[in-house]
Amino acid sequence: MSVTSLIDTALDRSVVLGYGWPGLLVRKALPDWPDGPVRMDGKVVLVTGAGSGVGLAAAVGFARLGASVRVLGRSEQRAEEAAALTREQAGDDVDVRPVVCDVSSLAALRDFTTRFLEEEDRLDVLVNNAGVMPDERQYSVDGVELTFATHVLAPWVLIEELTPLLARSAPSVVINVTSGGQYGQQLPAGDPESEETPYSPKKFYARTKRAQVVVTEKWAERLHDQGVHVHSMHPGWADTKGVRQWLPVFRAVTRPIIRSPAQGADTIVWLGAASEATENDGLFWHDRRPRPTTYPLAAGADSEEAREELWEYVSSLAHGERG
């Protein structure tokens, strides 16, 4: 292993330095830091959860590269605000358009994807970034635990429904934005929505992010032959509206090293434009490098039975076959 790889790995395993801004700055100074991102003129990018934080920063980054960006918000007002903020930060000459969908609702997702397929000629990059962390256990309009509906079911449906457009634009990229917190959780075998687990915002958030990584790998296997390359990534510790709202103590403790939203979004934008994303499939990225999806000293790996159970369960929800 080279010296630069040793430094990079040490940052990753240290968590504190690797997930904060010092890790990103050190990695950028290493001689093998990947080049890019490159221009994306003529390409179309869809970003969910684009109203603030990492999602907004990603939308701004893609727009600055010349991509035509669709910023998805839960309501027309939120989508318009996201588009205005993106233009304000990226420049008036960018092509940024608001699109509306409550991603926790299956009916809203179906309506949205139907419209999107009718209105768009291509989709080069899909970024699934929308996230929630309710203080108490909540359910979507479909009766699905809200964190699971937003982090796992919604990306699943968007990928499935938009595959024809992604395949038409191949090679195309799907990026599921997850969390380093996923290392601390395993899939709850026999209980995909964690109904038998006492509700904990942080635990459910991390657990559904773990599920998101697994679903990413499953989609990558299925879509490879169509030229659709599916990856997941985590942004490190970024100073977002969600962190300020849901994790105020964590933000206070990490404030000296917490990343800006743009620093958190760096790998999203790079992946969307980089050839590395279309030369590989199903990887879990952080700071422009693929990372292990599990660590022996953390939660460890999931069984293949639990992974298959998750896929079949989400598929049944998406297709209205829930028992």
C-alpha atoms as a PDB file:
ATOM      1  CA  MET A   1       0.000   0.000   0.000  1.00  0.00           C
ATOM      2  CA  SER A   2       1.388   3.424  -0.967  1.00  0.00           C
ATOM      3  CA  VAL A   3       1.965   6.251   1.492  1.00  0.00           C
ATOM      4  CA  THR A   4      -0.950   8.213   0.037  1.00  0.00           C
ATOM      5  CA  SER A   5      -3.244   5.205   0.390  1.00  0.00           C
ATOM      6  CA  LEU A   6      -2.128   4.769   3.984  1.00  0.00           C
ATOM      7  CA  ILE A   7      -2.925   8.413   4.742  1.00  0.00           C
ATOM      8  CA  ASP A   8      -6.293   8.173   3.038  1.00  0.00           C
ATOM      9  CA  THR A   9      -7.187   4.948   4.865  1.00  0.00           C
ATOM     10  CA  ALA A  10      -6.055   6.371   8.210  1.00  0.00           C
ATOM     11  CA  LEU A  11      -8.331   9.374   7.706  1.00  0.00           C
ATOM     12  CA  ASP A  12     -11.229   7.099   6.844  1.00  0.00           C
ATOM     13  CA  ARG A  13     -10.761   4.881   9.894  1.00  0.00           C
ATOM     14  CA  SER A  14     -10.262   7.833  12.239  1.00  0.00           C
ATOM     15  CA  VAL A  15     -13.804   9.031  11.357  1.00  0.00           C
ATOM     16  CA  VAL A  16     -13.384  12.364  13.167  1.00  0.00           C
ATOM     17  CA  LEU A  17     -10.698  13.717  10.847  1.00  0.00           C
ATOM     18  CA  GLY A  18     -11.890  11.848   7.776  1.00  0.00           C
ATOM     19  CA  TYR A  19     -15.516  12.944   8.010  1.00  0.00           C
ATOM     20  CA  GLY A  20     -14.725  16.579   8.860  1.00  0.00           C
ATOM     21  CA  TRP A  21     -13.226  19.224   6.590  1.00  0.00           C
ATOM     22  CA  PRO A  22      -9.614  18.404   7.570  1.00  0.00           C
ATOM     23  CA  GLY A  23      -9.944  15.020   5.874  1.00  0.00           C
ATOM     24  CA  LEU A  24     -11.150  16.549   2.628  1.00  0.00           C
ATOM     25  CA  LEU A  25      -8.394  19.174   2.586  1.00  0.00           C
ATOM     26  CA  VAL A  26      -5.669  16.607   3.279  1.00  0.00           C
ATOM     27  CA  ARG A  27      -6.996  14.277   0.589  1.00  0.00           C
ATOM     28  CA  LYS A  28      -7.126  17.113  -1.955  1.00  0.00           C
ATOM     29  CA  ALA A  29      -3.435  17.728  -1.290  1.00  0.00           C
ATOM     30  CA  LEU A  30      -2.477  14.111  -1.981  1.00  0.00           C
ATOM     31  CA  PRO A  31      -0.881  13.485  -5.394  1.00  0.00           C
ATOM     32  CA  ASP A  32      -3.499  10.952  -6.497  1.00  0.00           C
ATOM     33  CA  TRP A  33      -6.548  13.143  -5.819  1.00  0.00           C
ATOM     34  CA  PRO A  34      -8.830  12.508  -8.828  1.00  0.00           C
ATOM     35  CA  ASP A  35      -9.152  15.247 -11.428  1.00  0.00           C
ATOM     36  CA  GLY A  36     -12.411  16.922 -12.307  1.00  0.00           C
ATOM     37  CA  PRO A  37     -15.265  17.321 -12.351  1.00  0.00           C
ATOM     38  CA  VAL A  38     -15.535  17.941 -16.075  1.00  0.00           C
ATOM     39  CA  ARG A  39     -18.103  20.008 -17.962  1.00  0.00           C
ATOM     40  CA  MET A  40     -21.613  18.555 -18.320  1.00  0.00           C
ATOM     41  CA  ASP A  41     -23.087  20.686 -21.085  1.00  0.00           C
ATOM     42  CA  GLY A  42     -26.148  19.066 -22.647  1.00  0.00           C
ATOM     43  CA  LYS A  43     -26.724  16.682 -19.753  1.00  0.00           C
ATOM     44  CA  VAL A  44     -29.794  16.601 -17.498  1.00  0.00           C
ATOM     45  CA  VAL A  45     -29.550  16.090 -13.739  1.00  0.00           C
ATOM     46  CA  LEU A  46     -32.384  15.503 -11.258  1.00  0.00           C
ATOM     47  CA  VAL A  47     -31.686  16.207  -7.574  1.00  0.00           C
ATOM     48  CA  THR A  48     -34.185  15.389  -4.815  1.00  0.00           C
ATOM     49  CA  GLY A  49     -34.011  17.214  -1.504  1.00  0.00           C
ATOM     50  CA  ALA A  50     -32.494  20.165  -3.361  1.00  0.00           C
ATOM     51  CA  GLY A  51     -33.925  22.937  -1.183  1.00  0.00           C
ATOM     52  CA  SER A  52     -31.001  23.258   1.196  1.00  0.00           C
ATOM     53  CA  GLY A  53     -27.774  21.720   2.450  1.00  0.00           C
ATOM     54  CA  VAL A  54     -25.970  19.063   0.440  1.00  0.00           C
ATOM     55  CA  GLY A  55     -28.796  18.762  -2.110  1.00  0.00           C
ATOM     56  CA  LEU A  56     -28.744  22.476  -2.895  1.00  0.00           C
ATOM     57  CA  ALA A  57     -24.949  22.483  -3.042  1.00  0.00           C
ATOM     58  CA  ALA A  58     -25.028  19.550  -5.471  1.00  0.00           C
ATOM     59  CA  ALA A  59     -27.578  21.315  -7.686  1.00  0.00           C
ATOM     60  CA  VAL A  60     -25.390  24.427  -7.718  1.00  0.00           C
ATOM     61  CA  GLY A  61     -22.316  22.351  -8.562  1.00  0.00           C
ATOM     62  CA  PHE A  62     -24.012  20.604 -11.475  1.00  0.00           C
ATOM     63  CA  ALA A  63     -25.437  23.879 -12.801  1.00  0.00           C
ATOM     64  CA  ARG A  64     -21.978  25.495 -12.727  1.00  0.00           C
ATOM     65  CA  LEU A  65     -20.699  22.633 -14.870  1.00  0.00           C
ATOM     66  CA  GLY A  66     -23.290  23.454 -17.528  1.00  0.00           C
ATOM     67  CA  ALA A  67     -25.796  20.704 -16.795  1.00  0.00           C
ATOM     68  CA  SER A  68     -29.525  21.333 -17.074  1.00  0.00           C
ATOM     69  CA  VAL A  69     -30.703  20.770 -13.504  1.00  0.00           C
ATOM     70  CA  ARG A  70     -34.125  19.741 -12.193  1.00  0.00           C
ATOM     71  CA  VAL A  71     -34.485  20.568  -8.498  1.00  0.00           C
ATOM     72  CA  LEU A  72     -37.187  18.544  -6.789  1.00  0.00           C
ATOM     73  CA  GLY A  73     -39.139  19.953  -3.859  1.00  0.00           C
ATOM     74  CA  ARG A  74     -42.028  18.587  -1.811  1.00  0.00           C
ATOM     75  CA  SER A  75     -44.308  21.476  -2.799  1.00  0.00           C
ATOM     76  CA  GLU A  76     -44.395  24.007  -5.608  1.00  0.00           C
ATOM     77  CA  GLN A  77     -43.216  26.723  -3.234  1.00  0.00           C
ATOM     78  CA  ARG A  78     -40.261  24.675  -1.982  1.00  0.00           C
ATOM     79  CA  ALA A  79     -39.284  23.669  -5.508  1.00  0.00           C
ATOM     80  CA  GLU A  80     -39.435  27.287  -6.722  1.00  0.00           C
ATOM     81  CA  GLU A  81     -37.351  28.385  -3.749  1.00  0.00           C
ATOM     82  CA  ALA A  82     -34.794  25.669  -4.486  1.00  0.00           C
ATOM     83  CA  ALA A  83     -34.554  26.774  -8.109  1.00  0.00           C
ATOM     84  CA  ALA A  84     -34.156  30.421  -7.109  1.00  0.00           C
ATOM     85  CA  LEU A  85     -31.416  29.594  -4.593  1.00  0.00           C
ATOM     86  CA  THR A  86     -29.604  27.457  -7.156  1.00  0.00           C
ATOM     87  CA  ARG A  87     -29.688  30.244  -9.745  1.00  0.00           C
ATOM     88  CA  GLU A  88     -28.607  32.780  -7.153  1.00  0.00           C
ATOM     89  CA  GLN A  89     -25.512  30.758  -6.289  1.00  0.00           C
ATOM     90  CA  ALA A  90     -24.712  29.285  -9.722  1.00  0.00           C
ATOM     91  CA  GLY A  91     -25.448  32.284 -11.924  1.00  0.00           C
ATOM     92  CA  ASP A  92     -28.376  33.658 -13.896  1.00  0.00           C
ATOM     93  CA  ASP A  93     -27.322  31.994 -17.150  1.00  0.00           C
ATOM     94  CA  VAL A  94     -27.791  28.454 -15.819  1.00  0.00           C
ATOM     95  CA  ASP A  95     -30.682  26.153 -16.754  1.00  0.00           C
ATOM     96  CA  VAL A  96     -32.427  25.217 -13.494  1.00  0.00           C
ATOM     97  CA  ARG A  97     -36.058  24.099 -13.382  1.00  0.00           C
ATOM     98  CA  PRO A  98     -38.274  23.306 -10.380  1.00  0.00           C
ATOM     99  CA  VAL A  99     -40.146  19.993 -10.223  1.00  0.00           C
ATOM    100  CA  VAL A 100     -42.596  18.926  -7.533  1.00  0.00           C
ATOM    101  CA  CYS A 101     -43.131  15.634  -5.697  1.00  0.00           C
ATOM    102  CA  ASP A 102     -43.727  14.454  -2.145  1.00  0.00           C
ATOM    103  CA  VAL A 103     -41.361  11.500  -2.373  1.00  0.00           C
ATOM    104  CA  SER A 104     -42.896   9.796   0.674  1.00  0.00           C
ATOM    105  CA  SER A 105     -46.113   9.194  -1.315  1.00  0.00           C
ATOM    106  CA  LEU A 106     -46.317   6.391  -3.875  1.00  0.00           C
ATOM    107  CA  ALA A 107     -49.115   8.120  -5.770  1.00  0.00           C
ATOM    108  CA  ALA A 108     -47.115  11.358  -5.936  1.00  0.00           C
ATOM    109  CA  LEU A 109     -44.050   9.451  -7.138  1.00  0.00           C
ATOM    110  CA  ARG A 110     -46.059   7.751  -9.898  1.00  0.00           C
ATOM    111  CA  ASP A 111     -47.581  11.050 -11.011  1.00  0.00           C
ATOM    112  CA  PHE A 112     -44.203  12.738 -11.008  1.00  0.00           C
ATOM    113  CA  THR A 113     -42.357  10.043 -12.935  1.00  0.00           C
ATOM    114  CA  THR A 114     -45.144   9.848 -15.513  1.00  0.00           C
ATOM    115  CA  ARG A 115     -44.862  13.592 -16.127  1.00  0.00           C
ATOM    116  CA  PHE A 116     -41.077  13.508 -16.132  1.00  0.00           C
ATOM    117  CA  LEU A 117     -40.944  10.745 -18.739  1.00  0.00           C
ATOM    118  CA  GLU A 118     -43.359  12.686 -20.931  1.00  0.00           C
ATOM    119  CA  GLU A 119     -41.565  16.031 -20.606  1.00  0.00           C
ATOM    120  CA  GLU A 120     -37.889  15.062 -20.668  1.00  0.00           C
ATOM    121  CA  ASP A 121     -35.803  13.658 -23.507  1.00  0.00           C
ATOM    122  CA  ARG A 122     -32.963  12.390 -21.320  1.00  0.00           C
ATOM    123  CA  LEU A 123     -31.733  11.907 -17.759  1.00  0.00           C
ATOM    124  CA  ASP A 124     -28.003  11.558 -17.251  1.00  0.00           C
ATOM    125  CA  VAL A 125     -27.756  11.779 -13.464  1.00  0.00           C
ATOM    126  CA  LEU A 126     -30.319  11.019 -10.743  1.00  0.00           C
ATOM    127  CA  VAL A 127     -29.363  12.102  -7.219  1.00  0.00           C
ATOM    128  CA  ASN A 128     -31.537  10.635  -4.456  1.00  0.00           C
ATOM    129  CA  ASN A 129     -30.824  13.001  -1.572  1.00  0.00           C
ATOM    130  CA  ALA A 130     -34.170  13.714   0.146  1.00  0.00           C
ATOM    131  CA  GLY A 131     -34.063  12.859   3.845  1.00  0.00           C
ATOM    132  CA  VAL A 132     -36.033  13.075   7.083  1.00  0.00           C
ATOM    133  CA  MET A 133     -35.472  12.363  10.779  1.00  0.00           C
ATOM    134  CA  PRO A 134     -38.804  12.709  12.650  1.00  0.00           C
ATOM    135  CA  ASP A 135     -38.712  13.146  16.427  1.00  0.00           C
ATOM    136  CA  GLU A 136     -41.387  10.464  16.768  1.00  0.00           C
ATOM    137  CA  ARG A 137     -42.391   7.445  14.701  1.00  0.00           C
ATOM    138  CA  GLN A 138     -44.437   8.657  11.755  1.00  0.00           C
ATOM    139  CA  TYR A 139     -46.007   7.012   8.723  1.00  0.00           C
ATOM    140  CA  SER A 140     -46.436   8.050   5.120  1.00  0.00           C
ATOM    141  CA  VAL A 141     -49.836   8.326   3.475  1.00  0.00           C
ATOM    142  CA  ASP A 142     -49.280   4.721   2.373  1.00  0.00           C
ATOM    143  CA  GLY A 143     -48.774   3.523   5.956  1.00  0.00           C
ATOM    144  CA  VAL A 144     -45.013   3.046   5.567  1.00  0.00           C
ATOM    145  CA  GLU A 145     -42.673   4.195   8.343  1.00  0.00           C
ATOM    146  CA  LEU A 146     -41.694   7.676   7.154  1.00  0.00           C
ATOM    147  CA  THR A 147     -37.907   7.342   7.331  1.00  0.00           C
ATOM    148  CA  PHE A 148     -38.083   4.059   5.411  1.00  0.00           C
ATOM    149  CA  ALA A 149     -40.519   5.530   2.882  1.00  0.00           C
ATOM    150  CA  THR A 150     -38.265   8.520   2.208  1.00  0.00           C
ATOM    151  CA  HIS A 151     -34.818   6.917   2.268  1.00  0.00           C
ATOM    152  CA  VAL A 152     -35.484   3.449   0.846  1.00  0.00           C
ATOM    153  CA  LEU A 153     -38.814   3.196  -0.936  1.00  0.00           C
ATOM    154  CA  ALA A 154     -38.705   6.543  -2.741  1.00  0.00           C
ATOM    155  CA  PRO A 155     -35.273   6.026  -4.346  1.00  0.00           C
ATOM    156  CA  TRP A 156     -36.328   2.494  -5.318  1.00  0.00           C
ATOM    157  CA  VAL A 157     -39.424   3.794  -7.132  1.00  0.00           C
ATOM    158  CA  LEU A 158     -37.605   6.693  -8.791  1.00  0.00           C
ATOM    159  CA  ILE A 159     -34.914   4.365 -10.101  1.00  0.00           C
ATOM    160  CA  GLU A 160     -37.395   1.807 -11.390  1.00  0.00           C
ATOM    161  CA  GLU A 161     -39.735   4.319 -13.012  1.00  0.00           C
ATOM    162  CA  LEU A 162     -36.992   6.467 -14.557  1.00  0.00           C
ATOM    163  CA  THR A 163     -34.871   3.583 -15.849  1.00  0.00           C
ATOM    164  CA  PRO A 164     -36.191   3.965 -19.441  1.00  0.00           C
ATOM    165  CA  LEU A 165     -34.948   7.561 -19.525  1.00  0.00           C
ATOM    166  CA  LEU A 166     -31.670   6.709 -17.781  1.00  0.00           C
ATOM    167  CA  ALA A 167     -31.076   3.828 -20.198  1.00  0.00           C
ATOM    168  CA  ARG A 168     -31.813   6.058 -23.188  1.00  0.00           C
ATOM    169  CA  SER A 169     -29.118   8.449 -21.914  1.00  0.00           C
ATOM    170  CA  ALA A 170     -26.573   5.709 -21.137  1.00  0.00           C
ATOM    171  CA  PRO A 171     -24.008   5.748 -19.767  1.00  0.00           C
ATOM    172  CA  SER A 172     -25.937   7.375 -16.936  1.00  0.00           C
ATOM    173  CA  VAL A 173     -25.438   7.534 -13.186  1.00  0.00           C
ATOM    174  CA  VAL A 174     -27.651   7.162 -10.107  1.00  0.00           C
ATOM    175  CA  ILE A 175     -26.227   8.484  -6.835  1.00  0.00           C
ATOM    176  CA  ASN A 176     -27.915   7.569  -3.564  1.00  0.00           C
ATOM    177  CA  VAL A 177     -26.808   9.925  -0.793  1.00  0.00           C
ATOM    178  CA  THR A 178     -26.472   7.942   2.401  1.00  0.00           C
ATOM    179  CA  SER A 179     -24.603   8.436   5.682  1.00  0.00           C
ATOM    180  CA  GLY A 180     -21.494   7.225   7.462  1.00  0.00           C
ATOM    181  CA  GLY A 181     -23.873   6.386  10.292  1.00  0.00           C
ATOM    182  CA  GLN A 182     -24.920   3.318   8.298  1.00  0.00           C
ATOM    183  CA  TYR A 183     -21.793   1.562   9.565  1.00  0.00           C
ATOM    184  CA  GLY A 184     -23.376   1.303  13.008  1.00  0.00           C
ATOM    185  CA  GLN A 185     -26.486  -0.613  11.957  1.00  0.00           C
ATOM    186  CA  GLN A 186     -27.413  -3.907  10.358  1.00  0.00           C
ATOM    187  CA  LEU A 187     -30.563  -4.711   8.420  1.00  0.00           C
ATOM    188  CA  PRO A 188     -33.277  -5.805  10.875  1.00  0.00           C
ATOM    189  CA  ALA A 189     -33.895  -9.331   9.606  1.00  0.00           C
ATOM    190  CA  GLY A 190     -37.580 -10.194   9.580  1.00  0.00           C
ATOM    191  CA  ASP A 191     -38.596  -6.606  10.316  1.00  0.00           C
ATOM    192  CA  PRO A 192     -37.631  -4.322   7.390  1.00  0.00           C
ATOM    193  CA  GLU A 193     -39.499  -1.267   8.709  1.00  0.00           C
ATOM    194  CA  SER A 194     -38.206  -1.775  12.286  1.00  0.00           C
ATOM    195  CA  GLU A 195     -41.710  -2.060  13.693  1.00  0.00           C
ATOM    196  CA  GLU A 196     -40.399  -4.264  16.506  1.00  0.00           C
ATOM    197  CA  THR A 197     -37.683  -1.776  17.468  1.00  0.00           C
ATOM    198  CA  PRO A 198     -38.411   1.130  19.863  1.00  0.00           C
ATOM    199  CA  TYR A 199     -38.255   4.306  17.821  1.00  0.00           C
ATOM    200  CA  SER A 200     -34.998   6.240  17.852  1.00  0.00           C
ATOM    201  CA  PRO A 201     -34.511   9.017  15.262  1.00  0.00           C
ATOM    202  CA  LYS A 202     -30.765   8.442  14.929  1.00  0.00           C
ATOM    203  CA  LYS A 203     -31.043   4.633  14.834  1.00  0.00           C
ATOM    204  CA  PHE A 204     -33.824   4.609  12.246  1.00  0.00           C
ATOM    205  CA  TYR A 205     -31.995   7.179  10.137  1.00  0.00           C
ATOM    206  CA  ALA A 206     -28.798   5.100  10.171  1.00  0.00           C
ATOM    207  CA  ARG A 207     -30.668   1.829   9.647  1.00  0.00           C
ATOM    208  CA  THR A 208     -32.507   3.119   6.581  1.00  0.00           C
ATOM    209  CA  LYS A 209     -29.262   4.514   5.230  1.00  0.00           C
ATOM    210  CA  ARG A 210     -27.777   1.028   5.594  1.00  0.00           C
ATOM    211  CA  ALA A 211     -30.751  -0.299   3.646  1.00  0.00           C
ATOM    212  CA  GLN A 212     -30.108   2.340   1.003  1.00  0.00           C
ATOM    213  CA  VAL A 213     -26.562   1.043   0.494  1.00  0.00           C
ATOM    214  CA  VAL A 214     -27.829  -2.515   0.077  1.00  0.00           C
ATOM    215  CA  VAL A 215     -30.539  -1.458  -2.382  1.00  0.00           C
ATOM    216  CA  THR A 216     -27.893   0.466  -4.322  1.00  0.00           C
ATOM    217  CA  GLU A 217     -25.847  -2.704  -4.782  1.00  0.00           C
ATOM    218  CA  LYS A 218     -28.914  -4.654  -5.868  1.00  0.00           C
ATOM    219  CA  TRP A 219     -29.918  -2.042  -8.449  1.00  0.00           C
ATOM    220  CA  ALA A 220     -26.352  -1.874  -9.763  1.00  0.00           C
ATOM    221  CA  GLU A 221     -26.444  -5.595 -10.530  1.00  0.00           C
ATOM    222  CA  ARG A 222     -29.745  -5.296 -12.357  1.00  0.00           C
ATOM    223  CA  LEU A 223     -29.075  -2.168 -14.420  1.00  0.00           C
ATOM    224  CA  HIS A 224     -25.466  -2.691 -15.463  1.00  0.00           C
ATOM    225  CA  ASP A 225     -26.392  -4.203 -18.827  1.00  0.00           C
ATOM    226  CA  GLN A 226     -28.534  -1.159 -19.630  1.00  0.00           C
ATOM    227  CA  GLY A 227     -25.665   1.251 -19.070  1.00  0.00           C
ATOM    228  CA  VAL A 228     -27.137   2.656 -15.857  1.00  0.00           C
ATOM    229  CA  HIS A 229     -24.506   2.809 -13.116  1.00  0.00           C
ATOM    230  CA  VAL A 230     -25.825   2.971  -9.544  1.00  0.00           C
ATOM    231  CA  HIS A 231     -23.657   4.135  -6.636  1.00  0.00           C
ATOM    232  CA  SER A 232     -24.031   5.363  -3.078  1.00  0.00           C
ATOM    233  CA  MET A 233     -21.924   7.918  -1.219  1.00  0.00           C
ATOM    234  CA  HIS A 234     -21.747   9.661   2.104  1.00  0.00           C
ATOM    235  CA  PRO A 235     -20.827  13.343   2.452  1.00  0.00           C
ATOM    236  CA  GLY A 236     -19.086  13.164   5.810  1.00  0.00           C
ATOM    237  CA  TRP A 237     -20.229  15.543   8.527  1.00  0.00           C
ATOM    238  CA  ALA A 238     -21.794  18.508   6.730  1.00  0.00           C
ATOM    239  CA  ASP A 239     -23.411  21.585   8.258  1.00  0.00           C
ATOM    240  CA  THR A 240     -26.898  21.259   6.825  1.00  0.00           C
ATOM    241  CA  LYS A 241     -30.349  22.401   7.869  1.00  0.00           C
ATOM    242  CA  GLY A 242     -31.154  18.819   8.854  1.00  0.00           C
ATOM    243  CA  VAL A 243     -28.140  18.582  11.140  1.00  0.00           C
ATOM    244  CA  ARG A 244     -28.990  21.909  12.762  1.00  0.00           C
ATOM    245  CA  GLN A 245     -32.627  20.915  13.212  1.00  0.00           C
ATOM    246  CA  TRP A 246     -32.316  17.247  14.187  1.00  0.00           C
ATOM    247  CA  LEU A 247     -28.818  16.977  15.673  1.00  0.00           C
ATOM    248  CA  PRO A 248     -28.040  20.246  17.504  1.00  0.00           C
ATOM    249  CA  VAL A 249     -25.795  18.600  20.101  1.00  0.00           C
ATOM    250  CA  PHE A 250     -23.833  16.755  17.416  1.00  0.00           C
ATOM    251  CA  ARG A 251     -23.408  20.009  15.482  1.00  0.00           C
ATOM    252  CA  ALA A 252     -22.178  21.828  18.561  1.00  0.00           C
ATOM    253  CA  VAL A 253     -19.579  19.140  19.268  1.00  0.00           C
ATOM    254  CA  THR A 254     -18.354  18.872  15.668  1.00  0.00           C
ATOM    255  CA  ARG A 255     -18.598  22.575  14.821  1.00  0.00           C
ATOM    256  CA  PRO A 256     -14.801  23.117  14.632  1.00  0.00           C
ATOM    257  CA  ILE A 257     -14.433  20.482  11.893  1.00  0.00           C
ATOM    258  CA  ILE A 258     -17.883  20.222  10.295  1.00  0.00           C
ATOM    259  CA  ARG A 259     -17.931  20.562   6.533  1.00  0.00           C
ATOM    260  CA  SER A 260     -19.766  23.143   4.487  1.00  0.00           C
ATOM    261  CA  PRO A 261     -22.607  21.797   2.330  1.00  0.00           C
ATOM    262  CA  ALA A 262     -20.437  22.337  -0.758  1.00  0.00           C
ATOM    263  CA  GLN A 263     -17.656  20.229   0.754  1.00  0.00           C
ATOM    264  CA  GLY A 264     -20.190  17.525   1.546  1.00  0.00           C
ATOM    265  CA  ALA A 265     -21.526  17.644  -2.013  1.00  0.00           C
ATOM    266  CA  ASP A 266     -18.099  17.497  -3.685  1.00  0.00           C
ATOM    267  CA  THR A 267     -18.204  13.750  -4.353  1.00  0.00           C
ATOM    268  CA  ILE A 268     -21.798  13.884  -5.607  1.00  0.00           C
ATOM    269  CA  VAL A 269     -20.909  16.415  -8.291  1.00  0.00           C
ATOM    270  CA  TRP A 270     -17.648  14.678  -9.147  1.00  0.00           C
ATOM    271  CA  LEU A 271     -19.366  11.284  -9.471  1.00  0.00           C
ATOM    272  CA  GLY A 272     -22.060  12.748 -11.703  1.00  0.00           C
ATOM    273  CA  ALA A 273     -19.423  13.963 -14.136  1.00  0.00           C
ATOM    274  CA  ALA A 274     -16.546  11.499 -13.697  1.00  0.00           C
ATOM    275  CA  SER A 275     -15.749   8.540 -15.919  1.00  0.00           C
ATOM    276  CA  GLU A 276     -14.991   6.566 -12.746  1.00  0.00           C
ATOM    277  CA  ALA A 277     -18.739   6.379 -12.048  1.00  0.00           C
ATOM    278  CA  THR A 278     -19.521   4.764 -15.402  1.00  0.00           C
ATOM    279  CA  GLU A 279     -16.543   2.397 -15.265  1.00  0.00           C
ATOM    280  CA  ASN A 280     -17.776   0.850 -11.992  1.00  0.00           C
ATOM    281  CA  ASP A 281     -21.022  -0.223 -10.370  1.00  0.00           C
ATOM    282  CA  GLY A 282     -22.544  -0.433  -6.921  1.00  0.00           C
ATOM    283  CA  LEU A 283     -19.715   1.240  -4.991  1.00  0.00           C
ATOM    284  CA  PHE A 284     -19.933   3.247  -1.778  1.00  0.00           C
ATOM    285  CA  TRP A 285     -17.980   6.516  -2.132  1.00  0.00           C
ATOM    286  CA  HIS A 286     -16.577   9.163   0.172  1.00  0.00           C
ATOM    287  CA  ASP A 287     -14.204  11.941  -0.883  1.00  0.00           C
ATOM    288  CA  ARG A 288     -13.879  10.581  -4.421  1.00  0.00           C
ATOM    289  CA  ARG A 289     -12.792   7.133  -3.272  1.00  0.00           C
ATOM    290  CA  PRO A 290     -14.754   3.870  -2.964  1.00  0.00           C
ATOM    291  CA  ARG A 291     -15.017   2.792   0.681  1.00  0.00           C
ATOM    292  CA  PRO A 292     -15.916  -0.477   2.405  1.00  0.00           C
ATOM    293  CA  THR A 293     -19.636  -0.783   3.079  1.00  0.00           C
ATOM    294  CA  THR A 294     -19.035  -2.515   6.425  1.00  0.00           C
ATOM    295  CA  TYR A 295     -16.314  -2.716   9.050  1.00  0.00           C
ATOM    296  CA  PRO A 296     -15.717  -5.738  11.327  1.00  0.00           C
ATOM    297  CA  LEU A 297     -15.494  -3.524  14.424  1.00  0.00           C
ATOM    298  CA  ALA A 298     -18.736  -1.712  13.559  1.00  0.00           C
ATOM    299  CA  ALA A 299     -22.057  -3.460  12.889  1.00  0.00           C
ATOM    300  CA  GLY A 300     -20.546  -5.965  10.483  1.00  0.00           C
ATOM    301  CA  ALA A 301     -21.968  -7.415   7.284  1.00  0.00           C
ATOM    302  CA  ASP A 302     -25.588  -8.327   6.634  1.00  0.00           C
ATOM    303  CA  SER A 303     -26.626 -11.845   5.754  1.00  0.00           C
ATOM    304  CA  GLU A 304     -27.582 -12.557   2.167  1.00  0.00           C
ATOM    305  CA  GLU A 305     -31.014 -13.616   3.469  1.00  0.00           C
ATOM    306  CA  ALA A 306     -31.556 -10.181   5.034  1.00  0.00           C
ATOM    307  CA  ARG A 307     -30.407  -8.449   1.863  1.00  0.00           C
ATOM    308  CA  GLU A 308     -32.774 -10.462  -0.325  1.00  0.00           C
ATOM    309  CA  GLU A 309     -35.605  -9.969   2.156  1.00  0.00           C
ATOM    310  CA  LEU A 310     -35.107  -6.194   1.988  1.00  0.00           C
ATOM    311  CA  TRP A 311     -35.171  -6.152  -1.812  1.00  0.00           C
ATOM    312  CA  GLU A 312     -38.307  -8.278  -2.025  1.00  0.00           C
ATOM    313  CA  TYR A 313     -40.031  -6.232   0.665  1.00  0.00           C
ATOM    314  CA  VAL A 314     -39.331  -2.881  -0.981  1.00  0.00           C
ATOM    315  CA  SER A 315     -40.387  -4.304  -4.335  1.00  0.00           C
ATOM    316  CA  SER A 316     -43.685  -5.457  -2.826  1.00  0.00           C
ATOM    317  CA  LEU A 317     -44.316  -2.002  -1.340  1.00  0.00           C
ATOM    318  CA  ALA A 318     -43.500  -0.290  -4.612  1.00  0.00           C
ATOM    319  CA  HIS A 319     -45.867  -2.526  -6.542  1.00  0.00           C
ATOM    320  CA  GLY A 320     -48.718  -2.314  -4.043  1.00  0.00           C
ATOM    321  CA  GLU A 321     -48.353  -5.945  -2.937  1.00  0.00           C
ATOM    322  CA  ARG A 322     -47.876  -5.332   0.773  1.00  0.00           C
ATOM    323  CA  GLY A 323     -49.642  -7.890   2.904  1.00  0.00           C
END
